[in-house]
Amino acid sequence: MASPGIAVFHRHAARYDAWFESDRGRALFESEVRCLRRLSNRLPRPWLEVGVGTGRFAQALGIDVGVDPALRALRLAARRGVQAVAALGEALPFPDHAFGTVFVIVTICFADDPEGLLREARRVTSGGGVVLGIVPAESPWGRFYAAKGRRGHLFYSQARFFSVEGLDGLAQRGGLRLEGATSTLFQGPERQGLRGETPHNGVAPGAGFVALRYCDAAAYNAVGR
């Protein structure tokens, strides 16, 4: 039986996808894609996205393969040209080192076993590492979404937001080492008429979206970096 989070994204995939066409959705998505693109420029291929959902990020970034357990969402991803595979992020159906780079974008907060998901992401990457995209729990956007979740929001009620520090601890336990970061969304959720932003390098205080690039810690240590 699917977990409640998976079931929600399966049953309501079209509703989730439609949000990206709203004025607010377009502005937030534009900023997040810019942030991820700056961090992932020239990373080795092929690229895999774990938790690809309806394929919006995969299409915008040119990600080759996407996995997701929510089948209706996955069908929309396939229509966007993503090679779609039905799977859980905690049990990827790929051999070791099958991908140059693995992306996990606004997915870790919905995972039943986030540390296990990160271990799997590390296992299937061959050198480009793992790129995470998160809404930090401590940011204005993180607090805003968490409050909506407590009020029973269809999607955010299934989310468990992480601080940057907390996620970094999970990544380290999963055998990953932080290599770089970019940040965006300095406009608060109360602002009307949101616009796309140019990302900042590093983890910036108050950012509503942060992209983090990790490498395999064991490989990093082996080459004496």
C-alpha atoms as a PDB file:
ATOM      1  CA  MET A   1       0.000   0.000   0.000  1.00  0.00           C
ATOM      2  CA  ALA A   2       1.335   3.460  -0.936  1.00  0.00           C
ATOM      3  CA  SER A   3       2.182   5.895   1.843  1.00  0.00           C
ATOM      4  CA  PRO A   4      -0.192   8.878   2.304  1.00  0.00           C
ATOM      5  CA  GLY A   5       2.330  11.221   0.671  1.00  0.00           C
ATOM      6  CA  ILE A   6       2.688   9.074  -2.442  1.00  0.00           C
ATOM      7  CA  ALA A   7      -1.074   8.610  -2.681  1.00  0.00           C
ATOM      8  CA  VAL A   8      -1.682  12.381  -2.571  1.00  0.00           C
ATOM      9  CA  PHE A   9       0.709  13.090  -5.440  1.00  0.00           C
ATOM     10  CA  HIS A  10      -0.747  10.188  -7.439  1.00  0.00           C
ATOM     11  CA  ARG A  11      -4.369  11.193  -7.003  1.00  0.00           C
ATOM     12  CA  HIS A  12      -3.837  14.931  -7.359  1.00  0.00           C
ATOM     13  CA  ALA A  13      -0.985  15.079  -9.894  1.00  0.00           C
ATOM     14  CA  ALA A  14      -2.905  17.395 -12.247  1.00  0.00           C
ATOM     15  CA  ARG A  15      -3.722  19.811  -9.416  1.00  0.00           C
ATOM     16  CA  TYR A  16      -0.085  19.879  -8.286  1.00  0.00           C
ATOM     17  CA  ASP A  17       1.120  20.429 -11.850  1.00  0.00           C
ATOM     18  CA  ALA A  18      -1.360  23.260 -12.485  1.00  0.00           C
ATOM     19  CA  TRP A  19       0.195  25.338  -9.677  1.00  0.00           C
ATOM     20  CA  PHE A  20       3.260  25.899 -11.868  1.00  0.00           C
ATOM     21  CA  GLU A  21       1.053  27.797 -14.332  1.00  0.00           C
ATOM     22  CA  SER A  22      -0.100  30.333 -11.712  1.00  0.00           C
ATOM     23  CA  ASP A  23       1.622  33.732 -11.525  1.00  0.00           C
ATOM     24  CA  ARG A  24       3.220  32.861  -8.192  1.00  0.00           C
ATOM     25  CA  GLY A  25       4.148  29.381  -9.315  1.00  0.00           C
ATOM     26  CA  ARG A  26       5.899  30.648 -12.437  1.00  0.00           C
ATOM     27  CA  ALA A  27       7.940  33.212 -10.493  1.00  0.00           C
ATOM     28  CA  LEU A  28       9.049  30.759  -7.810  1.00  0.00           C
ATOM     29  CA  PHE A  29       9.842  28.059 -10.351  1.00  0.00           C
ATOM     30  CA  GLU A  30      11.899  30.452 -12.485  1.00  0.00           C
ATOM     31  CA  SER A  31      14.020  31.461  -9.475  1.00  0.00           C
ATOM     32  CA  GLU A  32      14.537  27.866  -8.359  1.00  0.00           C
ATOM     33  CA  VAL A  33      15.549  26.685 -11.825  1.00  0.00           C
ATOM     34  CA  ARG A  34      18.106  29.503 -12.102  1.00  0.00           C
ATOM     35  CA  CYS A  35      19.507  28.524  -8.724  1.00  0.00           C
ATOM     36  CA  LEU A  36      19.847  24.858  -9.676  1.00  0.00           C
ATOM     37  CA  ARG A  37      21.225  25.647 -13.127  1.00  0.00           C
ATOM     38  CA  ARG A  38      24.057  27.754 -11.735  1.00  0.00           C
ATOM     39  CA  LEU A  39      25.109  24.968  -9.369  1.00  0.00           C
ATOM     40  CA  SER A  40      24.805  22.116 -11.870  1.00  0.00           C
ATOM     41  CA  ASN A  41      26.467  23.723 -14.886  1.00  0.00           C
ATOM     42  CA  ARG A  42      28.867  21.233 -16.538  1.00  0.00           C
ATOM     43  CA  LEU A  43      28.197  18.378 -14.120  1.00  0.00           C
ATOM     44  CA  PRO A  44      28.689  14.968 -15.790  1.00  0.00           C
ATOM     45  CA  ARG A  45      25.847  13.097 -17.439  1.00  0.00           C
ATOM     46  CA  PRO A  46      23.630  11.166 -17.599  1.00  0.00           C
ATOM     47  CA  TRP A  47      21.448  12.967 -15.066  1.00  0.00           C
ATOM     48  CA  LEU A  48      18.838  11.329 -12.827  1.00  0.00           C
ATOM     49  CA  GLU A  49      16.139  13.081 -10.796  1.00  0.00           C
ATOM     50  CA  VAL A  50      14.812  11.228  -7.765  1.00  0.00           C
ATOM     51  CA  GLY A  51      11.235  12.313  -7.069  1.00  0.00           C
ATOM     52  CA  VAL A  52      10.731  13.729 -10.547  1.00  0.00           C
ATOM     53  CA  GLY A  53       7.021  14.324  -9.992  1.00  0.00           C
ATOM     54  CA  THR A  54       5.364  15.774 -13.089  1.00  0.00           C
ATOM     55  CA  GLY A  55       8.721  16.537 -14.704  1.00  0.00           C
ATOM     56  CA  ARG A  56       8.768  20.327 -14.497  1.00  0.00           C
ATOM     57  CA  PHE A  57      12.327  20.597 -13.162  1.00  0.00           C
ATOM     58  CA  ALA A  58      13.588  17.720 -15.290  1.00  0.00           C
ATOM     59  CA  GLN A  59      12.294  19.356 -18.449  1.00  0.00           C
ATOM     60  CA  ALA A  60      13.687  22.795 -17.560  1.00  0.00           C
ATOM     61  CA  LEU A  61      17.132  21.476 -16.569  1.00  0.00           C
ATOM     62  CA  GLY A  62      17.441  18.804 -19.271  1.00  0.00           C
ATOM     63  CA  ILE A  63      17.511  15.850 -16.863  1.00  0.00           C
ATOM     64  CA  ASP A  64      17.612  12.534 -18.689  1.00  0.00           C
ATOM     65  CA  VAL A  65      15.852  10.057 -16.366  1.00  0.00           C
ATOM     66  CA  GLY A  66      13.335  10.541 -13.566  1.00  0.00           C
ATOM     67  CA  VAL A  67      11.974   8.189 -10.920  1.00  0.00           C
ATOM     68  CA  ASP A  68       8.834   8.595  -8.837  1.00  0.00           C
ATOM     69  CA  PRO A  69       6.351   6.251  -7.132  1.00  0.00           C
ATOM     70  CA  ALA A  70       3.324   8.470  -7.975  1.00  0.00           C
ATOM     71  CA  LEU A  71       2.246   6.988 -11.311  1.00  0.00           C
ATOM     72  CA  ARG A  72      -0.054   9.758 -12.533  1.00  0.00           C
ATOM     73  CA  ALA A  73       2.649  12.333 -11.868  1.00  0.00           C
ATOM     74  CA  LEU A  74       5.165  10.127 -13.651  1.00  0.00           C
ATOM     75  CA  ARG A  75       2.957   9.947 -16.745  1.00  0.00           C
ATOM     76  CA  LEU A  76       3.023  13.737 -16.985  1.00  0.00           C
ATOM     77  CA  ALA A  77       6.809  13.661 -16.690  1.00  0.00           C
ATOM     78  CA  ALA A  78       6.977  11.193 -19.575  1.00  0.00           C
ATOM     79  CA  ARG A  79       4.901  13.545 -21.716  1.00  0.00           C
ATOM     80  CA  ARG A  80       7.532  16.202 -21.056  1.00  0.00           C
ATOM     81  CA  GLY A  81      10.208  14.010 -22.586  1.00  0.00           C
ATOM     82  CA  VAL A  82      11.645  12.537 -19.387  1.00  0.00           C
ATOM     83  CA  GLN A  83      12.552   8.845 -19.383  1.00  0.00           C
ATOM     84  CA  ALA A  84      10.188   7.919 -16.545  1.00  0.00           C
ATOM     85  CA  VAL A  85      10.744   4.994 -14.164  1.00  0.00           C
ATOM     86  CA  ALA A  86       8.338   3.978 -11.392  1.00  0.00           C
ATOM     87  CA  ALA A  87      10.421   3.512  -8.233  1.00  0.00           C
ATOM     88  CA  LEU A  88      11.011   4.660  -4.689  1.00  0.00           C
ATOM     89  CA  GLY A  89      14.013   6.873  -4.044  1.00  0.00           C
ATOM     90  CA  GLU A  90      15.000   4.574  -1.190  1.00  0.00           C
ATOM     91  CA  ALA A  91      15.245   1.579  -3.572  1.00  0.00           C
ATOM     92  CA  LEU A  92      16.522   2.747  -6.940  1.00  0.00           C
ATOM     93  CA  PRO A  93      16.436   0.071  -9.686  1.00  0.00           C
ATOM     94  CA  PHE A  94      19.845   0.990 -11.101  1.00  0.00           C
ATOM     95  CA  PRO A  95      23.356  -0.450 -10.715  1.00  0.00           C
ATOM     96  CA  ASP A  96      26.082   1.333  -8.786  1.00  0.00           C
ATOM     97  CA  HIS A  97      27.532   4.446 -10.461  1.00  0.00           C
ATOM     98  CA  ALA A  98      24.962   4.395 -13.284  1.00  0.00           C
ATOM     99  CA  PHE A  99      24.573   8.192 -13.427  1.00  0.00           C
ATOM    100  CA  GLY A 100      26.945  11.112 -13.611  1.00  0.00           C
ATOM    101  CA  THR A 101      24.797  13.312 -11.354  1.00  0.00           C
ATOM    102  CA  VAL A 102      21.673  12.755  -9.242  1.00  0.00           C
ATOM    103  CA  PHE A 103      19.153  15.512  -8.434  1.00  0.00           C
ATOM    104  CA  VAL A 104      16.763  15.483  -5.468  1.00  0.00           C
ATOM    105  CA  ILE A 105      14.638  18.624  -5.789  1.00  0.00           C
ATOM    106  CA  VAL A 106      11.999  19.503  -3.140  1.00  0.00           C
ATOM    107  CA  THR A 107      11.577  15.767  -2.576  1.00  0.00           C
ATOM    108  CA  ILE A 108      13.584  14.981   0.555  1.00  0.00           C
ATOM    109  CA  CYS A 109      10.886  16.553   2.762  1.00  0.00           C
ATOM    110  CA  PHE A 110       8.351  13.991   1.469  1.00  0.00           C
ATOM    111  CA  ALA A 111      10.588  10.905   1.801  1.00  0.00           C
ATOM    112  CA  ASP A 112       9.694   8.207   4.335  1.00  0.00           C
ATOM    113  CA  ASP A 113      13.411   7.483   4.822  1.00  0.00           C
ATOM    114  CA  PRO A 114      15.389  10.592   3.802  1.00  0.00           C
ATOM    115  CA  GLU A 115      18.739   9.202   4.935  1.00  0.00           C
ATOM    116  CA  GLY A 116      18.138   5.999   2.984  1.00  0.00           C
ATOM    117  CA  LEU A 117      17.205   8.045  -0.088  1.00  0.00           C
ATOM    118  CA  LEU A 118      20.483   9.969   0.140  1.00  0.00           C
ATOM    119  CA  ARG A 119      22.467   6.753   0.476  1.00  0.00           C
ATOM    120  CA  GLU A 120      20.811   5.414  -2.662  1.00  0.00           C
ATOM    121  CA  ALA A 121      21.499   8.663  -4.522  1.00  0.00           C
ATOM    122  CA  ARG A 122      25.151   8.401  -3.554  1.00  0.00           C
ATOM    123  CA  ARG A 123      25.278   4.747  -4.626  1.00  0.00           C
ATOM    124  CA  VAL A 124      24.111   5.374  -8.192  1.00  0.00           C
ATOM    125  CA  THR A 125      26.249   8.443  -8.917  1.00  0.00           C
ATOM    126  CA  SER A 126      29.649   8.100 -10.538  1.00  0.00           C
ATOM    127  CA  GLY A 127      31.343  11.431 -10.055  1.00  0.00           C
ATOM    128  CA  GLY A 128      29.092  14.457 -10.387  1.00  0.00           C
ATOM    129  CA  GLY A 129      27.629  13.888  -6.971  1.00  0.00           C
ATOM    130  CA  VAL A 130      24.187  14.695  -5.616  1.00  0.00           C
ATOM    131  CA  VAL A 131      22.393  18.030  -6.048  1.00  0.00           C
ATOM    132  CA  LEU A 132      19.690  18.775  -3.484  1.00  0.00           C
ATOM    133  CA  GLY A 133      17.108  21.523  -3.730  1.00  0.00           C
ATOM    134  CA  ILE A 134      15.284  22.421  -0.510  1.00  0.00           C
ATOM    135  CA  VAL A 135      13.067  25.001   1.121  1.00  0.00           C
ATOM    136  CA  PRO A 136      14.929  25.510   4.437  1.00  0.00           C
ATOM    137  CA  ALA A 137      12.734  25.067   7.500  1.00  0.00           C
ATOM    138  CA  GLU A 138      14.219  28.164   9.098  1.00  0.00           C
ATOM    139  CA  SER A 139      13.440  30.442   6.125  1.00  0.00           C
ATOM    140  CA  PRO A 140      10.297  32.591   5.781  1.00  0.00           C
ATOM    141  CA  TRP A 141       9.071  30.280   3.006  1.00  0.00           C
ATOM    142  CA  GLY A 142       9.777  27.188   5.108  1.00  0.00           C
ATOM    143  CA  ARG A 143       7.772  28.589   8.026  1.00  0.00           C
ATOM    144  CA  PHE A 144       4.994  29.638   5.650  1.00  0.00           C
ATOM    145  CA  TYR A 145       4.652  26.186   4.077  1.00  0.00           C
ATOM    146  CA  ALA A 146       4.939  24.405   7.434  1.00  0.00           C
ATOM    147  CA  ALA A 147       2.098  26.544   8.808  1.00  0.00           C
ATOM    148  CA  LYS A 148      -0.051  25.645   5.790  1.00  0.00           C
ATOM    149  CA  GLY A 149       0.747  22.001   6.441  1.00  0.00           C
ATOM    150  CA  ARG A 150      -0.401  22.265  10.061  1.00  0.00           C
ATOM    151  CA  ARG A 151      -3.682  23.679   8.785  1.00  0.00           C
ATOM    152  CA  GLY A 152      -4.190  20.575   6.640  1.00  0.00           C
ATOM    153  CA  HIS A 153      -2.946  21.684   3.211  1.00  0.00           C
ATOM    154  CA  LEU A 154      -3.297  18.810   0.743  1.00  0.00           C
ATOM    155  CA  PHE A 155       0.420  18.651  -0.127  1.00  0.00           C
ATOM    156  CA  TYR A 156       2.298  20.473   2.640  1.00  0.00           C
ATOM    157  CA  SER A 157       0.592  18.435   5.362  1.00  0.00           C
ATOM    158  CA  GLN A 158       2.711  15.518   4.075  1.00  0.00           C
ATOM    159  CA  ALA A 159       5.995  17.457   4.251  1.00  0.00           C
ATOM    160  CA  ARG A 160       8.718  17.480   6.894  1.00  0.00           C
ATOM    161  CA  PHE A 161      10.946  20.493   6.297  1.00  0.00           C
ATOM    162  CA  PHE A 162      14.653  20.384   7.122  1.00  0.00           C
ATOM    163  CA  SER A 163      17.019  23.139   8.122  1.00  0.00           C
ATOM    164  CA  VAL A 164      20.176  23.424   6.022  1.00  0.00           C
ATOM    165  CA  GLU A 165      22.176  22.262   9.031  1.00  0.00           C
ATOM    166  CA  GLY A 166      19.857  19.325   9.693  1.00  0.00           C
ATOM    167  CA  LEU A 167      19.925  18.203   6.081  1.00  0.00           C
ATOM    168  CA  ASP A 168      23.706  18.486   5.979  1.00  0.00           C
ATOM    169  CA  GLY A 169      23.880  16.146   8.973  1.00  0.00           C
ATOM    170  CA  LEU A 170      21.684  13.628   7.132  1.00  0.00           C
ATOM    171  CA  ALA A 171      23.854  13.920   4.031  1.00  0.00           C
ATOM    172  CA  GLN A 172      27.034  13.344   6.012  1.00  0.00           C
ATOM    173  CA  ARG A 173      25.550  10.218   7.602  1.00  0.00           C
ATOM    174  CA  GLY A 174      24.680   9.107   4.078  1.00  0.00           C
ATOM    175  CA  GLY A 175      28.350   9.372   3.053  1.00  0.00           C
ATOM    176  CA  LEU A 176      28.165  12.753   1.330  1.00  0.00           C
ATOM    177  CA  ARG A 177      30.301  15.881   1.651  1.00  0.00           C
ATOM    178  CA  LEU A 178      29.134  19.419   0.800  1.00  0.00           C
ATOM    179  CA  GLU A 179      30.982  20.958  -2.159  1.00  0.00           C
ATOM    180  CA  GLY A 180      28.963  24.043  -3.104  1.00  0.00           C
ATOM    181  CA  ALA A 181      25.682  25.891  -2.736  1.00  0.00           C
ATOM    182  CA  THR A 182      23.493  28.578  -4.281  1.00  0.00           C
ATOM    183  CA  SER A 183      20.530  30.437  -2.785  1.00  0.00           C
ATOM    184  CA  THR A 184      17.459  32.331  -3.978  1.00  0.00           C
ATOM    185  CA  LEU A 185      13.946  33.527  -3.003  1.00  0.00           C
ATOM    186  CA  PHE A 186      14.689  36.499  -0.810  1.00  0.00           C
ATOM    187  CA  GLN A 187      11.224  37.887  -1.519  1.00  0.00           C
ATOM    188  CA  GLY A 188       8.984  36.788   1.322  1.00  0.00           C
ATOM    189  CA  PRO A 189       5.757  34.797   0.919  1.00  0.00           C
ATOM    190  CA  GLU A 190       3.700  37.846   1.884  1.00  0.00           C
ATOM    191  CA  ARG A 191       4.891  39.777  -1.179  1.00  0.00           C
ATOM    192  CA  GLN A 192       2.521  40.265  -4.084  1.00  0.00           C
ATOM    193  CA  GLY A 193       3.806  40.289  -7.645  1.00  0.00           C
ATOM    194  CA  LEU A 194       6.791  37.982  -7.118  1.00  0.00           C
ATOM    195  CA  ARG A 195       9.528  38.131  -9.751  1.00  0.00           C
ATOM    196  CA  GLY A 196      12.268  35.753 -10.787  1.00  0.00           C
ATOM    197  CA  GLU A 197      15.546  36.335  -8.922  1.00  0.00           C
ATOM    198  CA  THR A 198      19.212  35.961  -9.767  1.00  0.00           C
ATOM    199  CA  PRO A 199      20.755  33.348  -7.408  1.00  0.00           C
ATOM    200  CA  HIS A 200      23.469  34.074  -4.850  1.00  0.00           C
ATOM    201  CA  ASN A 201      26.462  31.821  -4.344  1.00  0.00           C
ATOM    202  CA  GLY A 202      26.652  29.974  -1.012  1.00  0.00           C
ATOM    203  CA  VAL A 203      24.034  29.375   1.655  1.00  0.00           C
ATOM    204  CA  ALA A 204      22.547  32.824   2.236  1.00  0.00           C
ATOM    205  CA  PRO A 205      20.568  33.609   5.412  1.00  0.00           C
ATOM    206  CA  GLY A 206      16.871  34.072   4.755  1.00  0.00           C
ATOM    207  CA  ALA A 207      16.861  32.361   1.358  1.00  0.00           C
ATOM    208  CA  GLY A 208      13.616  30.519   0.649  1.00  0.00           C
ATOM    209  CA  PHE A 209      15.293  28.008  -1.649  1.00  0.00           C
ATOM    210  CA  VAL A 210      18.807  26.575  -1.418  1.00  0.00           C
ATOM    211  CA  ALA A 211      20.583  24.214  -3.813  1.00  0.00           C
ATOM    212  CA  LEU A 212      23.356  22.083  -2.317  1.00  0.00           C
ATOM    213  CA  ARG A 213      25.909  20.061  -4.287  1.00  0.00           C
ATOM    214  CA  TYR A 214      27.430  17.032  -2.545  1.00  0.00           C
ATOM    215  CA  CYS A 215      30.192  14.635  -3.515  1.00  0.00           C
ATOM    216  CA  ASP A 216      30.961  11.129  -2.280  1.00  0.00           C
ATOM    217  CA  ALA A 217      32.895  11.677   0.954  1.00  0.00           C
ATOM    218  CA  ALA A 218      34.888   8.460   0.579  1.00  0.00           C
ATOM    219  CA  ALA A 219      35.998   9.368  -2.954  1.00  0.00           C
ATOM    220  CA  TYR A 220      36.838  12.885  -1.800  1.00  0.00           C
ATOM    221  CA  ASN A 221      39.084  11.562   0.973  1.00  0.00           C
ATOM    222  CA  ALA A 222      40.659   8.938  -1.300  1.00  0.00           C
ATOM    223  CA  VAL A 223      42.080  11.543  -3.640  1.00  0.00           C
ATOM    224  CA  GLY A 224      43.318  13.679  -0.757  1.00  0.00           C
ATOM    225  CA  ARG A 225      41.192  16.728  -1.449  1.00  0.00           C
END
